[in-house]
N, C-alpha and C. Protein backbone atom coordinates (compact mmCIF):
# COMPACT_ATOMS: atom_id res chain seq x y z
N MET A 1 -1.14 -35.55 -21.91
CA MET A 1 -1.92 -34.32 -21.96
C MET A 1 -1.87 -33.79 -23.39
N SER A 2 -3.00 -33.44 -23.92
CA SER A 2 -3.04 -32.95 -25.29
C SER A 2 -2.59 -31.50 -25.35
N GLU A 3 -2.24 -31.07 -26.57
CA GLU A 3 -1.78 -29.69 -26.74
C GLU A 3 -2.89 -28.69 -26.43
N GLU A 4 -4.13 -29.06 -26.68
CA GLU A 4 -5.26 -28.17 -26.43
C GLU A 4 -5.42 -27.87 -24.95
N ALA A 5 -5.08 -28.82 -24.09
CA ALA A 5 -5.25 -28.65 -22.65
C ALA A 5 -4.07 -27.95 -22.00
N THR A 6 -2.96 -27.78 -22.72
CA THR A 6 -1.78 -27.16 -22.16
C THR A 6 -1.97 -25.65 -22.06
N ILE A 7 -1.73 -25.12 -20.88
CA ILE A 7 -1.81 -23.67 -20.66
C ILE A 7 -0.39 -23.13 -20.60
N ILE A 8 -0.12 -22.16 -21.43
CA ILE A 8 1.21 -21.57 -21.46
C ILE A 8 1.14 -20.19 -20.80
N SER A 9 1.93 -20.03 -19.76
CA SER A 9 1.96 -18.76 -19.05
C SER A 9 2.88 -17.78 -19.77
N PRO A 10 2.48 -16.50 -19.85
CA PRO A 10 3.37 -15.51 -20.48
C PRO A 10 4.59 -15.19 -19.63
N VAL A 11 4.54 -15.56 -18.35
CA VAL A 11 5.65 -15.31 -17.44
C VAL A 11 6.43 -16.61 -17.28
N PRO A 12 7.73 -16.60 -17.56
CA PRO A 12 8.51 -17.84 -17.38
C PRO A 12 8.38 -18.37 -15.96
N ARG A 13 8.43 -19.67 -15.84
CA ARG A 13 8.20 -20.32 -14.55
C ARG A 13 9.19 -19.88 -13.47
N GLY A 14 10.43 -19.61 -13.84
CA GLY A 14 11.44 -19.23 -12.87
C GLY A 14 11.31 -17.80 -12.38
N VAL A 15 10.54 -16.99 -13.08
CA VAL A 15 10.40 -15.58 -12.70
C VAL A 15 9.20 -15.44 -11.77
N ARG A 16 9.43 -14.98 -10.57
CA ARG A 16 8.37 -14.80 -9.58
C ARG A 16 8.43 -13.39 -9.03
N LYS A 17 7.34 -12.96 -8.49
CA LYS A 17 7.31 -11.65 -7.86
C LYS A 17 7.73 -11.83 -6.42
N PRO A 18 8.90 -11.32 -6.05
CA PRO A 18 9.46 -11.60 -4.72
C PRO A 18 8.57 -11.14 -3.56
N PHE A 19 7.98 -9.95 -3.63
CA PHE A 19 7.17 -9.48 -2.50
C PHE A 19 5.92 -10.34 -2.33
N ARG A 20 5.29 -10.70 -3.44
CA ARG A 20 4.10 -11.54 -3.37
C ARG A 20 4.45 -12.90 -2.77
N ALA A 21 5.58 -13.46 -3.17
CA ALA A 21 6.03 -14.74 -2.62
C ALA A 21 6.31 -14.60 -1.13
N PHE A 22 6.93 -13.49 -0.74
CA PHE A 22 7.21 -13.25 0.68
C PHE A 22 5.90 -13.17 1.47
N CYS A 23 4.91 -12.46 0.94
CA CYS A 23 3.61 -12.34 1.64
C CYS A 23 2.95 -13.70 1.78
N SER A 24 3.01 -14.51 0.73
CA SER A 24 2.43 -15.85 0.81
C SER A 24 3.12 -16.68 1.87
N GLU A 25 4.44 -16.61 1.91
CA GLU A 25 5.20 -17.36 2.91
C GLU A 25 4.83 -16.92 4.32
N GLN A 26 4.72 -15.62 4.55
CA GLN A 26 4.36 -15.10 5.88
C GLN A 26 2.93 -15.51 6.25
N TYR A 27 2.03 -15.51 5.28
CA TYR A 27 0.65 -15.93 5.54
C TYR A 27 0.63 -17.37 6.05
N TYR A 28 1.37 -18.24 5.38
CA TYR A 28 1.37 -19.65 5.78
C TYR A 28 2.08 -19.87 7.11
N VAL A 29 3.10 -19.10 7.39
CA VAL A 29 3.75 -19.17 8.70
C VAL A 29 2.74 -18.77 9.78
N ASN A 30 2.01 -17.69 9.54
CA ASN A 30 1.00 -17.22 10.49
C ASN A 30 -0.11 -18.25 10.65
N ARG A 31 -0.54 -18.84 9.54
CA ARG A 31 -1.59 -19.86 9.60
C ARG A 31 -1.14 -21.06 10.43
N ASP A 32 0.11 -21.46 10.22
CA ASP A 32 0.64 -22.60 10.97
C ASP A 32 0.71 -22.32 12.47
N GLU A 33 0.99 -21.06 12.83
CA GLU A 33 1.00 -20.69 14.25
C GLU A 33 -0.39 -20.82 14.86
N TYR A 34 -1.41 -20.36 14.12
CA TYR A 34 -2.79 -20.51 14.61
C TYR A 34 -3.13 -21.98 14.79
N PHE A 35 -2.80 -22.81 13.79
CA PHE A 35 -3.12 -24.23 13.85
C PHE A 35 -2.37 -24.92 14.98
N ALA A 36 -1.16 -24.48 15.28
CA ALA A 36 -0.37 -25.08 16.36
C ALA A 36 -1.06 -24.89 17.71
N PHE A 37 -1.84 -23.82 17.82
CA PHE A 37 -2.56 -23.56 19.07
C PHE A 37 -4.02 -24.00 19.00
N GLY A 38 -4.34 -24.79 17.96
CA GLY A 38 -5.69 -25.34 17.84
C GLY A 38 -6.74 -24.34 17.41
N GLN A 39 -6.33 -23.27 16.75
CA GLN A 39 -7.27 -22.25 16.31
C GLN A 39 -7.31 -22.20 14.79
N ASP A 40 -8.42 -21.69 14.26
CA ASP A 40 -8.51 -21.43 12.83
C ASP A 40 -8.01 -20.02 12.57
N GLN A 41 -7.34 -19.85 11.45
CA GLN A 41 -6.86 -18.50 11.12
C GLN A 41 -8.05 -17.61 10.77
N PRO A 42 -8.11 -16.41 11.32
CA PRO A 42 -9.27 -15.55 11.08
C PRO A 42 -9.23 -14.83 9.72
N TYR A 43 -8.15 -14.99 8.96
CA TYR A 43 -8.00 -14.25 7.71
C TYR A 43 -7.93 -15.18 6.51
N ILE A 44 -8.40 -14.68 5.37
CA ILE A 44 -8.02 -15.28 4.11
C ILE A 44 -6.79 -14.50 3.64
N MET A 45 -6.12 -14.96 2.63
CA MET A 45 -4.85 -14.36 2.20
C MET A 45 -4.97 -12.85 1.97
N GLU A 46 -5.98 -12.43 1.23
CA GLU A 46 -6.14 -11.01 0.90
C GLU A 46 -6.35 -10.17 2.15
N GLU A 47 -7.17 -10.66 3.07
CA GLU A 47 -7.41 -9.93 4.31
C GLU A 47 -6.14 -9.82 5.14
N TYR A 48 -5.37 -10.89 5.18
CA TYR A 48 -4.12 -10.90 5.94
C TYR A 48 -3.16 -9.83 5.40
N VAL A 49 -3.02 -9.78 4.08
CA VAL A 49 -2.10 -8.82 3.47
C VAL A 49 -2.57 -7.39 3.72
N VAL A 50 -3.85 -7.13 3.54
CA VAL A 50 -4.38 -5.78 3.76
C VAL A 50 -4.20 -5.36 5.22
N ALA A 51 -4.50 -6.26 6.15
CA ALA A 51 -4.41 -5.94 7.56
C ALA A 51 -2.98 -5.74 8.04
N ASN A 52 -2.02 -6.38 7.37
CA ASN A 52 -0.64 -6.37 7.84
C ASN A 52 0.34 -5.80 6.81
N LEU A 53 -0.14 -5.01 5.87
CA LEU A 53 0.70 -4.54 4.77
C LEU A 53 1.93 -3.77 5.25
N ALA A 54 1.76 -2.87 6.18
CA ALA A 54 2.90 -2.08 6.66
C ALA A 54 3.96 -2.98 7.30
N LEU A 55 3.53 -3.92 8.11
CA LEU A 55 4.46 -4.86 8.74
C LEU A 55 5.14 -5.74 7.70
N LEU A 56 4.38 -6.23 6.73
CA LEU A 56 4.95 -7.08 5.68
C LEU A 56 6.01 -6.33 4.88
N LYS A 57 5.73 -5.07 4.55
CA LYS A 57 6.71 -4.27 3.82
C LYS A 57 7.99 -4.10 4.64
N GLU A 58 7.83 -3.81 5.91
CA GLU A 58 8.99 -3.62 6.79
C GLU A 58 9.81 -4.90 6.90
N LEU A 59 9.15 -6.02 7.10
CA LEU A 59 9.85 -7.30 7.19
C LEU A 59 10.53 -7.67 5.88
N TYR A 60 9.86 -7.42 4.76
CA TYR A 60 10.42 -7.73 3.45
C TYR A 60 11.67 -6.90 3.19
N ARG A 61 11.58 -5.62 3.46
CA ARG A 61 12.75 -4.74 3.24
C ARG A 61 13.91 -5.15 4.14
N SER A 62 13.61 -5.49 5.36
CA SER A 62 14.65 -5.93 6.30
C SER A 62 15.34 -7.20 5.79
N GLN A 63 14.52 -8.16 5.37
CA GLN A 63 15.09 -9.40 4.86
C GLN A 63 15.89 -9.16 3.58
N ARG A 64 15.35 -8.36 2.68
CA ARG A 64 16.03 -8.06 1.41
C ARG A 64 17.36 -7.37 1.66
N ASP A 65 17.38 -6.40 2.57
CA ASP A 65 18.61 -5.68 2.88
C ASP A 65 19.65 -6.59 3.51
N SER A 66 19.22 -7.49 4.40
CA SER A 66 20.17 -8.39 5.03
C SER A 66 20.74 -9.38 4.01
N LEU A 67 19.93 -9.81 3.05
CA LEU A 67 20.44 -10.69 2.00
C LEU A 67 21.44 -9.98 1.10
N LYS A 68 21.17 -8.69 0.81
CA LYS A 68 22.11 -7.91 0.00
C LYS A 68 23.44 -7.75 0.72
N LYS A 69 23.39 -7.53 2.03
CA LYS A 69 24.62 -7.37 2.80
C LYS A 69 25.43 -8.66 2.79
N GLU A 70 24.74 -9.81 2.89
CA GLU A 70 25.43 -11.10 2.86
C GLU A 70 26.12 -11.30 1.52
N VAL A 71 25.45 -10.93 0.43
CA VAL A 71 26.02 -11.08 -0.91
C VAL A 71 27.21 -10.14 -1.07
N ASP A 72 27.09 -8.92 -0.56
CA ASP A 72 28.18 -7.94 -0.66
C ASP A 72 29.41 -8.40 0.10
N THR A 73 29.23 -9.02 1.24
CA THR A 73 30.38 -9.43 2.05
C THR A 73 31.06 -10.66 1.47
N THR A 74 30.32 -11.49 0.73
CA THR A 74 30.92 -12.68 0.14
C THR A 74 31.58 -12.38 -1.20
N ALA A 75 31.24 -11.27 -1.80
CA ALA A 75 31.79 -10.93 -3.13
C ALA A 75 33.20 -10.39 -3.03
């Protein structure tokens, strides 16, 4: 690959936005559930997040808090 074709991101590869990653993961879990029952998912990613934002926030906070508790108890 030539240097001209290389795209350099201003954000280091290891740095990710945790909530966005969580939403993506939940979207794909939901999509897989629809496919398991032979249905197409009725949402695209943006629609899914908008329709379920309150639930996603609640689930994310719950998961984040439980992970913090695990780290605190092992320290």
